[in-house]
Every structure is written in structure tokens, then in C-alpha cells.
């Protein structure tokens, strides 16, 4: 393998495995990433009351869980403090989930977001 490149293969369980030679993904292994969200977002993400407590379920949770298993990181999900997706104010300062990422309080958003030219 050429140094600085990652490769992906499939193990005997059918899961993808990652070769961590690539610096762009090496930092994620073993980390706890913070994912900010806003629920409900049917069918992408919902908060369900189970006997074990409140649990996130849905497509986005499944994708994040799969990525965590493949890339070997852990995560925590939390709700956007202001309950918003995010818009910039008159000074260009973002609020909502986007603001959480911009200000470094979250590593990623877990939401059905659309990116526009605006």
C-alpha cells in the first residue's frame, strides 16, 4: 500500500474495514464525536421512549451507528440548545445546529439538512 492512502475491504461479517494509514481518517479512530440534532425528523430521526429510557431511532441513527462501527469511533447525540437548524444573524453568526458545529461544540449535525447557495 502507498503511504497516505486508505483502503477499504470487507471482512467475513460483511462489514467494511478501514486501513488507517490515511491522515484524513486516522484522527477519528477511538474518538467520541458529538452529533447535534433536532427532533422529531420523521423518518430520519426520532426520539422514542423505551423501557431503558429515551432512545434515538431512524435512518440517520442507523447510518451514524454503521459509520462508528466501521471507523471505530463512539458518539453522543444531543439536541440543538435553541431547537433550530441554523441561520446566520445580521453579523453572520450562526445559531442552531450549524452554529454548534461552527463554534466547535459539535463535530457533525444529524439532520435532514439542505445546502443552498444562500
PDB file of N, CA and C in Angstrom:
ATOM      1  N   UNK A   1       0.840  -1.184   0.000  1.00  0.00           N
ATOM      2  CA  UNK A   1       0.000   0.000   0.000  1.00  0.00           C
ATOM      3  C   UNK A   1       0.881   1.242   0.000  1.00  0.00           C
ATOM      4  N   UNK A   2       0.415   2.284  -0.670  1.00  0.00           N
ATOM      5  CA  UNK A   2       1.118   3.554  -0.709  1.00  0.00           C
ATOM      6  C   UNK A   2       0.764   4.338   0.546  1.00  0.00           C
ATOM      7  N   UNK A   3       1.760   4.859   1.236  1.00  0.00           N
ATOM      8  CA  UNK A   3       1.516   5.631   2.451  1.00  0.00           C
ATOM      9  C   UNK A   3       0.718   6.883   2.113  1.00  0.00           C
ATOM     10  N   UNK A   4      -0.225   7.214   3.007  1.00  0.00           N
ATOM     11  CA  UNK A   4      -1.048   8.396   2.799  1.00  0.00           C
ATOM     12  C   UNK A   4      -2.345   8.090   2.082  1.00  0.00           C
ATOM     13  N   UNK A   5      -2.577   6.833   1.770  1.00  0.00           N
ATOM     14  CA  UNK A   5      -3.825   6.440   1.141  1.00  0.00           C
ATOM     15  C   UNK A   5      -4.501   5.396   2.015  1.00  0.00           C
ATOM     16  N   UNK A   6      -5.821   5.436   2.077  1.00  0.00           N
ATOM     17  CA  UNK A   6      -6.532   4.436   2.852  1.00  0.00           C
ATOM     18  C   UNK A   6      -7.150   3.435   1.902  1.00  0.00           C
ATOM     19  N   UNK A   7      -7.419   2.265   2.414  1.00  0.00           N
ATOM     20  CA  UNK A   7      -8.106   1.276   1.606  1.00  0.00           C
ATOM     21  C   UNK A   7      -9.260   0.730   2.419  1.00  0.00           C
ATOM     22  N   UNK A   8     -10.269   0.268   1.733  1.00  0.00           N
ATOM     23  CA  UNK A   8     -11.438  -0.301   2.358  1.00  0.00           C
ATOM     24  C   UNK A   8     -11.594  -1.722   1.861  1.00  0.00           C
ATOM     25  N   UNK A   9     -11.897  -2.629   2.748  1.00  0.00           N
ATOM     26  CA  UNK A   9     -12.174  -4.004   2.365  1.00  0.00           C
ATOM     27  C   UNK A   9     -13.377  -4.474   3.162  1.00  0.00           C
ATOM     28  N   UNK A  10     -13.835  -5.685   2.893  1.00  0.00           N
ATOM     29  CA  UNK A  10     -14.981  -6.235   3.597  1.00  0.00           C
ATOM     30  C   UNK A  10     -14.505  -7.445   4.383  1.00  0.00           C
ATOM     31  N   UNK A  11     -14.844  -7.485   5.682  1.00  0.00           N
ATOM     32  CA  UNK A  11     -14.421  -8.615   6.496  1.00  0.00           C
ATOM     33  C   UNK A  11     -15.416  -9.766   6.375  1.00  0.00           C
ATOM     34  N   UNK A  12     -15.196 -10.832   7.112  1.00  0.00           N
ATOM     35  CA  UNK A  12     -16.029 -12.027   6.996  1.00  0.00           C
ATOM     36  C   UNK A  12     -17.465 -11.806   7.466  1.00  0.00           C
ATOM     37  N   UNK A  13     -17.698 -10.784   8.285  1.00  0.00           N
ATOM     38  CA  UNK A  13     -19.055 -10.471   8.740  1.00  0.00           C
ATOM     39  C   UNK A  13     -19.812  -9.595   7.751  1.00  0.00           C
ATOM     40  N   UNK A  14     -19.148  -9.182   6.673  1.00  0.00           N
ATOM     41  CA  UNK A  14     -19.789  -8.313   5.695  1.00  0.00           C
ATOM     42  C   UNK A  14     -19.635  -6.840   5.997  1.00  0.00           C
ATOM     43  N   UNK A  15     -18.940  -6.500   7.088  1.00  0.00           N
ATOM     44  CA  UNK A  15     -18.704  -5.099   7.435  1.00  0.00           C
ATOM     45  C   UNK A  15     -17.486  -4.580   6.682  1.00  0.00           C
ATOM     46  N   UNK A  16     -17.515  -3.320   6.358  1.00  0.00           N
ATOM     47  CA  UNK A  16     -16.338  -2.699   5.756  1.00  0.00           C
ATOM     48  C   UNK A  16     -15.283  -2.529   6.832  1.00  0.00           C
ATOM     49  N   UNK A  17     -14.023  -2.619   6.445  1.00  0.00           N
ATOM     50  CA  UNK A  17     -12.920  -2.336   7.359  1.00  0.00           C
ATOM     51  C   UNK A  17     -12.062  -1.264   6.712  1.00  0.00           C
ATOM     52  N   UNK A  18     -11.418  -0.467   7.524  1.00  0.00           N
ATOM     53  CA  UNK A  18     -10.633   0.661   7.046  1.00  0.00           C
ATOM     54  C   UNK A  18      -9.178   0.474   7.430  1.00  0.00           C
ATOM     55  N   UNK A  19      -8.277   0.778   6.504  1.00  0.00           N
ATOM     56  CA  UNK A  19      -6.854   0.822   6.784  1.00  0.00           C
ATOM     57  C   UNK A  19      -6.550   2.261   7.186  1.00  0.00           C
ATOM     58  N   UNK A  20      -6.017   2.461   8.382  1.00  0.00           N
ATOM     59  CA  UNK A  20      -5.859   3.801   8.946  1.00  0.00           C
ATOM     60  C   UNK A  20      -4.540   4.476   8.610  1.00  0.00           C
ATOM     61  N   UNK A  21      -3.941   4.210   7.450  1.00  0.00           N
ATOM     62  CA  UNK A  21      -2.718   4.909   7.052  1.00  0.00           C
ATOM     63  C   UNK A  21      -2.991   6.344   6.629  1.00  0.00           C
ATOM     64  N   UNK A  22      -4.194   6.630   6.187  1.00  0.00           N
ATOM     65  CA  UNK A  22      -4.536   7.952   5.683  1.00  0.00           C
ATOM     66  C   UNK A  22      -4.769   8.915   6.845  1.00  0.00           C
ATOM     67  N   UNK A  23      -4.010  10.005   6.890  1.00  0.00           N
ATOM     68  CA  UNK A  23      -4.140  11.000   7.970  1.00  0.00           C
ATOM     69  C   UNK A  23      -5.540  11.596   8.044  1.00  0.00           C
ATOM     70  N   UNK A  24      -6.275  11.635   6.930  1.00  0.00           N
ATOM     71  CA  UNK A  24      -7.586  12.270   6.931  1.00  0.00           C
ATOM     72  C   UNK A  24      -8.615  11.493   7.739  1.00  0.00           C
ATOM     73  N   UNK A  25      -8.399  10.205   7.980  1.00  0.00           N
ATOM     74  CA  UNK A  25      -9.336   9.439   8.803  1.00  0.00           C
ATOM     75  C   UNK A  25      -8.712   8.892  10.075  1.00  0.00           C
ATOM     76  N   UNK A  26      -7.406   8.927  10.176  1.00  0.00           N
ATOM     77  CA  UNK A  26      -6.717   8.354  11.336  1.00  0.00           C
ATOM     78  C   UNK A  26      -7.167   9.020  12.642  1.00  0.00           C
ATOM     79  N   UNK A  27      -7.417  10.311  12.619  1.00  0.00           N
ATOM     80  CA  UNK A  27      -7.757  11.050  13.834  1.00  0.00           C
ATOM     81  C   UNK A  27      -9.079  10.612  14.450  1.00  0.00           C
ATOM     82  N   UNK A  28      -9.954   9.993  13.685  1.00  0.00           N
ATOM     83  CA  UNK A  28     -11.297   9.683  14.159  1.00  0.00           C
ATOM     84  C   UNK A  28     -11.345   8.412  15.012  1.00  0.00           C
ATOM     85  N   UNK A  29     -10.421   7.490  14.768  1.00  0.00           N
ATOM     86  CA  UNK A  29     -10.423   6.207  15.471  1.00  0.00           C
ATOM     87  C   UNK A  29     -10.265   6.425  16.971  1.00  0.00           C
ATOM     88  N   UNK A  30     -11.181   5.857  17.736  1.00  0.00           N
ATOM     89  CA  UNK A  30     -11.128   5.940  19.189  1.00  0.00           C
ATOM     90  C   UNK A  30     -11.677   7.229  19.780  1.00  0.00           C
ATOM     91  N   UNK A  31     -12.105   8.162  18.951  1.00  0.00           N
ATOM     92  CA  UNK A  31     -12.632   9.434  19.442  1.00  0.00           C
ATOM     93  C   UNK A  31     -14.114   9.313  19.797  1.00  0.00           C
ATOM     94  N   UNK A  32     -14.606  10.244  20.586  1.00  0.00           N
ATOM     95  CA  UNK A  32     -16.036  10.371  20.861  1.00  0.00           C
ATOM     96  C   UNK A  32     -16.495  11.630  20.145  1.00  0.00           C
ATOM     97  N   UNK A  33     -17.292  11.456  19.107  1.00  0.00           N
ATOM     98  CA  UNK A  33     -17.787  12.592  18.338  1.00  0.00           C
ATOM     99  C   UNK A  33     -19.125  13.053  18.894  1.00  0.00           C
ATOM    100  N   UNK A  34     -19.348  14.356  18.851  1.00  0.00           N
ATOM    101  CA  UNK A  34     -20.614  14.943  19.314  1.00  0.00           C
ATOM    102  C   UNK A  34     -21.465  15.278  18.097  1.00  0.00           C
ATOM    103  N   UNK A  35     -22.673  14.714  18.063  1.00  0.00           N
ATOM    104  CA  UNK A  35     -23.606  14.935  16.965  1.00  0.00           C
ATOM    105  C   UNK A  35     -24.799  15.726  17.485  1.00  0.00           C
ATOM    106  N   UNK A  36     -25.036  16.893  16.909  1.00  0.00           N
ATOM    107  CA  UNK A  36     -26.154  17.735  17.317  1.00  0.00           C
ATOM    108  C   UNK A  36     -27.329  17.457  16.393  1.00  0.00           C
ATOM    109  N   UNK A  37     -28.527  17.479  16.947  1.00  0.00           N
ATOM    110  CA  UNK A  37     -29.715  17.185  16.158  1.00  0.00           C
ATOM    111  C   UNK A  37     -30.894  18.019  16.615  1.00  0.00           C
ATOM    112  N   UNK A  38     -31.982  17.860  15.892  1.00  0.00           N
ATOM    113  CA  UNK A  38     -33.263  18.494  16.233  1.00  0.00           C
ATOM    114  C   UNK A  38     -34.329  17.462  15.903  1.00  0.00           C
ATOM    115  N   UNK A  39     -35.055  17.020  16.898  1.00  0.00           N
ATOM    116  CA  UNK A  39     -36.097  16.015  16.651  1.00  0.00           C
ATOM    117  C   UNK A  39     -37.459  16.613  16.950  1.00  0.00           C
ATOM    118  N   UNK A  40     -38.522  16.051  16.395  1.00  0.00           N
ATOM    119  CA  UNK A  40     -38.529  14.900  15.509  1.00  0.00           C
ATOM    120  C   UNK A  40     -38.216  15.292  14.068  1.00  0.00           C
ATOM    121  N   UNK A  41     -37.693  14.324  13.339  1.00  0.00           N
ATOM    122  CA  UNK A  41     -37.402  14.495  11.913  1.00  0.00           C
ATOM    123  C   UNK A  41     -37.743  13.173  11.215  1.00  0.00           C
ATOM    124  N   UNK A  42     -39.031  12.823  11.269  1.00  0.00           N
ATOM    125  CA  UNK A  42     -39.505  11.549  10.698  1.00  0.00           C
ATOM    126  C   UNK A  42     -39.158  11.455   9.220  1.00  0.00           C
ATOM    127  N   UNK A  43     -38.742  10.352   8.678  1.00  0.00           N
ATOM    128  CA  UNK A  43     -38.328   9.098   9.296  1.00  0.00           C
ATOM    129  C   UNK A  43     -36.830   9.083   9.599  1.00  0.00           C
ATOM    130  N   UNK A  44     -36.202  10.235   9.461  1.00  0.00           N
ATOM    131  CA  UNK A  44     -34.745  10.299   9.595  1.00  0.00           C
ATOM    132  C   UNK A  44     -34.259  10.106  11.018  1.00  0.00           C
ATOM    133  N   UNK A  45     -34.941  10.729  11.976  1.00  0.00           N
ATOM    134  CA  UNK A  45     -34.523  10.615  13.368  1.00  0.00           C
ATOM    135  C   UNK A  45     -35.695  10.972  14.277  1.00  0.00           C
ATOM    136  N   UNK A  46     -35.946  10.098  15.233  1.00  0.00           N
ATOM    137  CA  UNK A  46     -36.988  10.343  16.233  1.00  0.00           C
ATOM    138  C   UNK A  46     -36.448   9.945  17.592  1.00  0.00           C
ATOM    139  N   UNK A  47     -37.009  10.523  18.615  1.00  0.00           N
ATOM    140  CA  UNK A  47     -36.658  10.186  19.991  1.00  0.00           C
ATOM    141  C   UNK A  47     -37.802   9.336  20.539  1.00  0.00           C
ATOM    142  N   UNK A  48     -37.495   8.086  20.896  1.00  0.00           N
ATOM    143  CA  UNK A  48     -38.509   7.129  21.321  1.00  0.00           C
ATOM    144  C   UNK A  48     -38.317   6.791  22.788  1.00  0.00           C
ATOM    145  N   UNK A  49     -39.425   6.693  23.507  1.00  0.00           N
ATOM    146  CA  UNK A  49     -39.379   6.344  24.924  1.00  0.00           C
ATOM    147  C   UNK A  49     -39.445   4.827  25.048  1.00  0.00           C
ATOM    148  N   UNK A  50     -38.341   4.220  25.447  1.00  0.00           N
ATOM    149  CA  UNK A  50     -38.251   2.770  25.657  1.00  0.00           C
ATOM    150  C   UNK A  50     -38.179   2.501  27.156  1.00  0.00           C
ATOM    151  N   UNK A  51     -38.277   1.253  27.531  1.00  0.00           N
ATOM    152  CA  UNK A  51     -38.178   0.914  28.951  1.00  0.00           C
ATOM    153  C   UNK A  51     -36.810   1.280  29.515  1.00  0.00           C
ATOM    154  N   UNK A  52     -35.794   1.306  28.640  1.00  0.00           N
ATOM    155  CA  UNK A  52     -34.444   1.680  29.075  1.00  0.00           C
ATOM    156  C   UNK A  52     -34.231   3.194  29.102  1.00  0.00           C
ATOM    157  N   UNK A  53     -35.217   3.951  28.637  1.00  0.00           N
ATOM    158  CA  UNK A  53     -35.114   5.406  28.599  1.00  0.00           C
ATOM    159  C   UNK A  53     -35.337   5.933  27.196  1.00  0.00           C
ATOM    160  N   UNK A  54     -35.021   7.213  26.984  1.00  0.00           N
ATOM    161  CA  UNK A  54     -35.185   7.815  25.668  1.00  0.00           C
ATOM    162  C   UNK A  54     -34.069   7.347  24.744  1.00  0.00           C
ATOM    163  N   UNK A  55     -34.456   6.939  23.531  1.00  0.00           N
ATOM    164  CA  UNK A  55     -33.517   6.382  22.574  1.00  0.00           C
ATOM    165  C   UNK A  55     -33.766   7.017  21.212  1.00  0.00           C
ATOM    166  N   UNK A  56     -32.675   7.407  20.518  1.00  0.00           N
ATOM    167  CA  UNK A  56     -32.792   7.906  19.161  1.00  0.00           C
ATOM    168  C   UNK A  56     -32.922   6.721  18.211  1.00  0.00           C
ATOM    169  N   UNK A  57     -33.843   6.828  17.246  1.00  0.00           N
ATOM    170  CA  UNK A  57     -34.042   5.805  16.234  1.00  0.00           C
ATOM    171  C   UNK A  57     -34.258   6.481  14.891  1.00  0.00           C
ATOM    172  N   UNK A  58     -33.999   5.729  13.817  1.00  0.00           N
ATOM    173  CA  UNK A  58     -34.251   6.235  12.476  1.00  0.00           C
ATOM    174  C   UNK A  58     -33.059   6.056  11.564  1.00  0.00           C
ATOM    175  N   UNK A  59     -33.270   6.447  10.321  1.00  0.00           N
ATOM    176  CA  UNK A  59     -32.268   6.272   9.274  1.00  0.00           C
ATOM    177  C   UNK A  59     -30.928   6.913   9.634  1.00  0.00           C
ATOM    178  N   UNK A  60     -30.943   8.164  10.096  1.00  0.00           N
ATOM    179  CA  UNK A  60     -29.691   8.857  10.420  1.00  0.00           C
ATOM    180  C   UNK A  60     -28.950   8.185  11.572  1.00  0.00           C
ATOM    181  N   UNK A  61     -29.666   7.691  12.559  1.00  0.00           N
ATOM    182  CA  UNK A  61     -29.058   6.963  13.669  1.00  0.00           C
ATOM    183  C   UNK A  61     -28.414   5.684  13.159  1.00  0.00           C
ATOM    184  N   UNK A  62     -29.091   5.000  12.243  1.00  0.00           N
ATOM    185  CA  UNK A  62     -28.536   3.770  11.673  1.00  0.00           C
ATOM    186  C   UNK A  62     -27.259   4.049  10.886  1.00  0.00           C
ATOM    187  N   UNK A  63     -27.254   5.121  10.097  1.00  0.00           N
ATOM    188  CA  UNK A  63     -26.065   5.485   9.323  1.00  0.00           C
ATOM    189  C   UNK A  63     -24.911   5.840  10.264  1.00  0.00           C
ATOM    190  N   UNK A  64     -25.190   6.660  11.287  1.00  0.00           N
ATOM    191  CA  UNK A  64     -24.142   7.042  12.238  1.00  0.00           C
ATOM    192  C   UNK A  64     -23.591   5.820  12.974  1.00  0.00           C
ATOM    193  N   UNK A  65     -24.457   4.912  13.380  1.00  0.00           N
ATOM    194  CA  UNK A  65     -24.015   3.694  14.063  1.00  0.00           C
ATOM    195  C   UNK A  65     -23.132   2.841  13.158  1.00  0.00           C
ATOM    196  N   UNK A  66     -23.485   2.739  11.886  1.00  0.00           N
ATOM    197  CA  UNK A  66     -22.675   1.977  10.932  1.00  0.00           C
ATOM    198  C   UNK A  66     -21.312   2.627  10.727  1.00  0.00           C
ATOM    199  N   UNK A  67     -21.298   3.945  10.563  1.00  0.00           N
ATOM    200  CA  UNK A  67     -20.020   4.650  10.411  1.00  0.00           C
ATOM    201  C   UNK A  67     -19.145   4.484  11.652  1.00  0.00           C
ATOM    202  N   UNK A  68     -19.756   4.555  12.817  1.00  0.00           N
ATOM    203  CA  UNK A  68     -18.999   4.406  14.067  1.00  0.00           C
ATOM    204  C   UNK A  68     -18.385   3.013  14.159  1.00  0.00           C
ATOM    205  N   UNK A  69     -19.130   2.003  13.763  1.00  0.00           N
ATOM    206  CA  UNK A  69     -18.617   0.639  13.805  1.00  0.00           C
ATOM    207  C   UNK A  69     -17.464   0.468  12.813  1.00  0.00           C
ATOM    208  N   UNK A  70     -17.616   0.982  11.600  1.00  0.00           N
ATOM    209  CA  UNK A  70     -16.600   0.824  10.557  1.00  0.00           C
ATOM    210  C   UNK A  70     -15.346   1.637  10.873  1.00  0.00           C
ATOM    211  N   UNK A  71     -15.537   2.894  11.288  1.00  0.00           N
ATOM    212  CA  UNK A  71     -14.407   3.796  11.530  1.00  0.00           C
ATOM    213  C   UNK A  71     -13.895   3.737  12.972  1.00  0.00           C
ATOM    214  N   UNK A  72     -14.555   2.941  13.786  1.00  0.00           N
ATOM    215  CA  UNK A  72     -14.137   2.694  15.164  1.00  0.00           C
ATOM    216  C   UNK A  72     -14.083   3.954  16.036  1.00  0.00           C
ATOM    217  N   UNK A  73     -15.202   4.680  16.035  1.00  0.00           N
ATOM    218  CA  UNK A  73     -15.351   5.814  16.939  1.00  0.00           C
ATOM    219  C   UNK A  73     -16.639   5.645  17.728  1.00  0.00           C
ATOM    220  N   UNK A  74     -16.780   6.415  18.776  1.00  0.00           N
ATOM    221  CA  UNK A  74     -18.007   6.454  19.558  1.00  0.00           C
ATOM    222  C   UNK A  74     -18.657   7.807  19.320  1.00  0.00           C
ATOM    223  N   UNK A  75     -19.900   7.945  19.727  1.00  0.00           N
ATOM    224  CA  UNK A  75     -20.587   9.210  19.529  1.00  0.00           C
ATOM    225  C   UNK A  75     -21.607   9.451  20.626  1.00  0.00           C
ATOM    226  N   UNK A  76     -21.943  10.706  20.774  1.00  0.00           N
ATOM    227  CA  UNK A  76     -23.054  11.102  21.634  1.00  0.00           C
ATOM    228  C   UNK A  76     -23.914  12.047  20.821  1.00  0.00           C
ATOM    229  N   UNK A  77     -25.207  11.923  20.994  1.00  0.00           N
ATOM    230  CA  UNK A  77     -26.162  12.763  20.276  1.00  0.00           C
ATOM    231  C   UNK A  77     -26.809  13.700  21.284  1.00  0.00           C
ATOM    232  N   UNK A  78     -26.930  14.965  20.908  1.00  0.00           N
ATOM    233  CA  UNK A  78     -27.631  15.906  21.774  1.00  0.00           C
ATOM    234  C   UNK A  78     -28.487  16.844  20.934  1.00  0.00           C
ATOM    235  N   UNK A  79     -29.501  17.387  21.561  1.00  0.00           N
ATOM    236  CA  UNK A  79     -30.439  18.289  20.894  1.00  0.00           C
ATOM    237  C   UNK A  79     -29.857  19.698  20.796  1.00  0.00           C
ATOM    238  N   UNK A  80     -30.138  20.343  19.690  1.00  0.00           N
ATOM    239  CA  UNK A  80     -29.724  21.732  19.496  1.00  0.00           C
ATOM    240  C   UNK A  80     -30.291  22.572  20.645  1.00  0.00           C
ATOM    241  N   UNK A  81     -29.444  23.298  21.365  1.00  0.00           N
ATOM    242  CA  UNK A  81     -29.925  24.059  22.525  1.00  0.00           C
ATOM    243  C   UNK A  81     -31.064  25.029  22.215  1.00  0.00           C
ATOM    244  N   UNK A  82     -31.040  25.641  21.030  1.00  0.00           N
ATOM    245  CA  UNK A  82     -32.116  26.576  20.696  1.00  0.00           C
ATOM    246  C   UNK A  82     -33.195  25.935  19.825  1.00  0.00           C
ATOM    247  N   UNK A  83     -33.071  24.631  19.538  1.00  0.00           N
ATOM    248  CA  UNK A  83     -34.088  23.914  18.771  1.00  0.00           C
ATOM    249  C   UNK A  83     -34.167  24.299  17.304  1.00  0.00           C
ATOM    250  N   UNK A  84     -33.114  24.905  16.775  1.00  0.00           N
ATOM    251  CA  UNK A  84     -33.140  25.373  15.390  1.00  0.00           C
ATOM    252  C   UNK A  84     -32.131  24.614  14.531  1.00  0.00           C
ATOM    253  N   UNK A  85     -32.396  24.639  13.225  1.00  0.00           N
ATOM    254  CA  UNK A  85     -31.446  24.063  12.283  1.00  0.00           C
ATOM    255  C   UNK A  85     -30.242  24.995  12.135  1.00  0.00           C
ATOM    256  N   UNK A  86     -30.497  26.281  12.003  1.00  0.00           N
ATOM    257  CA  UNK A  86     -29.423  27.261  11.946  1.00  0.00           C
ATOM    258  C   UNK A  86     -29.550  28.246  10.807  1.00  0.00           C
ATOM    259  N   UNK A  87     -29.410  29.504  11.150  1.00  0.00           N
ATOM    260  CA  UNK A  87     -29.354  30.605  10.183  1.00  0.00           C
ATOM    261  C   UNK A  87     -28.371  31.641  10.721  1.00  0.00           C
ATOM    262  N   UNK A  88     -27.712  32.364   9.824  1.00  0.00           N
ATOM    263  CA  UNK A  88     -26.808  33.411  10.301  1.00  0.00           C
ATOM    264  C   UNK A  88     -27.599  34.667  10.669  1.00  0.00           C
ATOM    265  N   UNK A  89     -27.147  35.370  11.702  1.00  0.00           N
ATOM    266  CA  UNK A  89     -27.791  36.637  12.049  1.00  0.00           C
ATOM    267  C   UNK A  89     -27.201  37.766  11.189  1.00  0.00           C
ATOM    268  N   UNK A  90     -27.534  39.008  11.495  1.00  0.00           N
ATOM    269  CA  UNK A  90     -27.090  40.153  10.694  1.00  0.00           C
ATOM    270  C   UNK A  90     -25.564  40.337  10.700  1.00  0.00           C
ATOM    271  N   UNK A  91     -24.886  39.731  11.686  1.00  0.00           N
ATOM    272  CA  UNK A  91     -23.419  39.806  11.744  1.00  0.00           C
ATOM    273  C   UNK A  91     -22.750  38.588  11.116  1.00  0.00           C
ATOM    274  N   UNK A  92     -23.571  37.621  10.646  1.00  0.00           N
ATOM    275  CA  UNK A  92     -23.027  36.402  10.057  1.00  0.00           C
ATOM    276  C   UNK A  92     -22.755  35.310  11.063  1.00  0.00           C
ATOM    277  N   UNK A  93     -23.221  35.476  12.305  1.00  0.00           N
ATOM    278  CA  UNK A  93     -23.014  34.469  13.355  1.00  0.00           C
ATOM    279  C   UNK A  93     -24.165  33.463  13.294  1.00  0.00           C
ATOM    280  N   UNK A  94     -23.813  32.189  13.160  1.00  0.00           N
ATOM    281  CA  UNK A  94     -24.801  31.128  13.025  1.00  0.00           C
ATOM    282  C   UNK A  94     -25.358  30.695  14.371  1.00  0.00           C
ATOM    283  N   UNK A  95     -26.633  30.304  14.365  1.00  0.00           N
ATOM    284  CA  UNK A  95     -27.263  29.704  15.538  1.00  0.00           C
ATOM    285  C   UNK A  95     -27.617  28.260  15.195  1.00  0.00           C
ATOM    286  N   UNK A  96     -28.399  27.597  16.017  1.00  0.00           N
ATOM    287  CA  UNK A  96     -28.893  26.255  15.733  1.00  0.00           C
ATOM    288  C   UNK A  96     -27.797  25.213  15.613  1.00  0.00           C
ATOM    289  N   UNK A  97     -28.137  24.134  14.899  1.00  0.00           N
ATOM    290  CA  UNK A  97     -27.187  23.032  14.732  1.00  0.00           C
ATOM    291  C   UNK A  97     -25.945  23.466  13.974  1.00  0.00           C
ATOM    292  N   UNK A  98     -26.118  24.273  12.946  1.00  0.00           N
ATOM    293  CA  UNK A  98     -24.961  24.749  12.182  1.00  0.00           C
ATOM    294  C   UNK A  98     -24.049  25.563  13.087  1.00  0.00           C
ATOM    295  N   UNK A  99     -24.618  26.398  13.939  1.00  0.00           N
ATOM    296  CA  UNK A  99     -23.837  27.182  14.887  1.00  0.00           C
ATOM    297  C   UNK A  99     -23.067  26.301  15.861  1.00  0.00           C
ATOM    298  N   UNK A 100     -23.664  25.191  16.275  1.00  0.00           N
ATOM    299  CA  UNK A 100     -22.972  24.268  17.175  1.00  0.00           C
ATOM    300  C   UNK A 100     -21.703  23.719  16.521  1.00  0.00           C
ATOM    301  N   UNK A 101     -21.771  23.402  15.225  1.00  0.00           N
ATOM    302  CA  UNK A 101     -20.601  22.895  14.510  1.00  0.00           C
ATOM    303  C   UNK A 101     -19.598  24.018  14.273  1.00  0.00           C
ATOM    304  N   UNK A 102     -20.080  25.171  13.810  1.00  0.00           N
ATOM    305  CA  UNK A 102     -19.205  26.310  13.525  1.00  0.00           C
ATOM    306  C   UNK A 102     -18.422  26.727  14.765  1.00  0.00           C
ATOM    307  N   UNK A 103     -19.075  26.698  15.922  1.00  0.00           N
ATOM    308  CA  UNK A 103     -18.429  27.137  17.163  1.00  0.00           C
ATOM    309  C   UNK A 103     -17.676  26.017  17.879  1.00  0.00           C
ATOM    310  N   UNK A 104     -17.606  24.816  17.265  1.00  0.00           N
ATOM    311  CA  UNK A 104     -16.807  23.727  17.802  1.00  0.00           C
ATOM    312  C   UNK A 104     -17.424  22.940  18.938  1.00  0.00           C
ATOM    313  N   UNK A 105     -18.713  23.142  19.200  1.00  0.00           N
ATOM    314  CA  UNK A 105     -19.361  22.382  20.270  1.00  0.00           C
ATOM    315  C   UNK A 105     -19.837  21.015  19.780  1.00  0.00           C
ATOM    316  N   UNK A 106     -19.981  20.860  18.463  1.00  0.00           N
ATOM    317  CA  UNK A 106     -20.375  19.584  17.859  1.00  0.00           C
ATOM    318  C   UNK A 106     -19.436  19.290  16.699  1.00  0.00           C
ATOM    319  N   UNK A 107     -19.269  18.011  16.403  1.00  0.00           N
ATOM    320  CA  UNK A 107     -18.445  17.595  15.275  1.00  0.00           C
ATOM    321  C   UNK A 107     -19.263  17.449  13.998  1.00  0.00           C
ATOM    322  N   UNK A 108     -20.562  17.179  14.153  1.00  0.00           N
ATOM    323  CA  UNK A 108     -21.419  16.966  12.998  1.00  0.00           C
ATOM    324  C   UNK A 108     -22.866  17.196  13.370  1.00  0.00           C
ATOM    325  N   UNK A 109     -23.676  17.426  12.343  1.00  0.00           N
ATOM    326  CA  UNK A 109     -25.113  17.512  12.563  1.00  0.00           C
ATOM    327  C   UNK A 109     -25.722  16.181  12.149  1.00  0.00           C
ATOM    328  N   UNK A 110     -26.791  15.831  12.778  1.00  0.00           N
ATOM    329  CA  UNK A 110     -27.528  14.618  12.469  1.00  0.00           C
ATOM    330  C   UNK A 110     -28.941  15.063  12.152  1.00  0.00           C
ATOM    331  N   UNK A 111     -29.152  15.452  10.877  1.00  0.00           N
ATOM    332  CA  UNK A 111     -30.429  16.035  10.497  1.00  0.00           C
ATOM    333  C   UNK A 111     -30.583  16.025   8.979  1.00  0.00           C
ATOM    334  N   UNK A 112     -31.820  16.097   8.524  1.00  0.00           N
ATOM    335  CA  UNK A 112     -32.052  16.208   7.083  1.00  0.00           C
ATOM    336  C   UNK A 112     -31.856  17.668   6.644  1.00  0.00           C
ATOM    337  N   UNK A 113     -30.612  18.064   6.439  1.00  0.00           N
ATOM    338  CA  UNK A 113     -30.289  19.429   6.062  1.00  0.00           C
ATOM    339  C   UNK A 113     -30.146  19.562   4.548  1.00  0.00           C
ATOM    340  N   UNK A 114     -30.487  20.709   4.041  1.00  0.00           N
ATOM    341  CA  UNK A 114     -30.287  21.030   2.641  1.00  0.00           C
ATOM    342  C   UNK A 114     -29.275  22.173   2.560  1.00  0.00           C
ATOM    343  N   UNK A 115     -28.310  22.037   1.683  1.00  0.00           N
ATOM    344  CA  UNK A 115     -27.329  23.089   1.474  1.00  0.00           C
ATOM    345  C   UNK A 115     -27.761  23.886   0.245  1.00  0.00           C
ATOM    346  N   UNK A 116     -27.840  25.177   0.393  1.00  0.00           N
ATOM    347  CA  UNK A 116     -28.245  26.025  -0.735  1.00  0.00           C
ATOM    348  C   UNK A 116     -27.170  27.073  -1.002  1.00  0.00           C
ATOM    349  N   UNK A 117     -27.279  27.752  -2.100  1.00  0.00           N
ATOM    350  CA  UNK A 117     -26.298  28.786  -2.428  1.00  0.00           C
ATOM    351  C   UNK A 117     -26.362  29.943  -1.439  1.00  0.00           C
ATOM    352  N   UNK A 118     -27.516  30.166  -0.829  1.00  0.00           N
ATOM    353  CA  UNK A 118     -27.648  31.225   0.178  1.00  0.00           C
ATOM    354  C   UNK A 118     -26.784  30.904   1.369  1.00  0.00           C
TER     355      UNK A 118
END
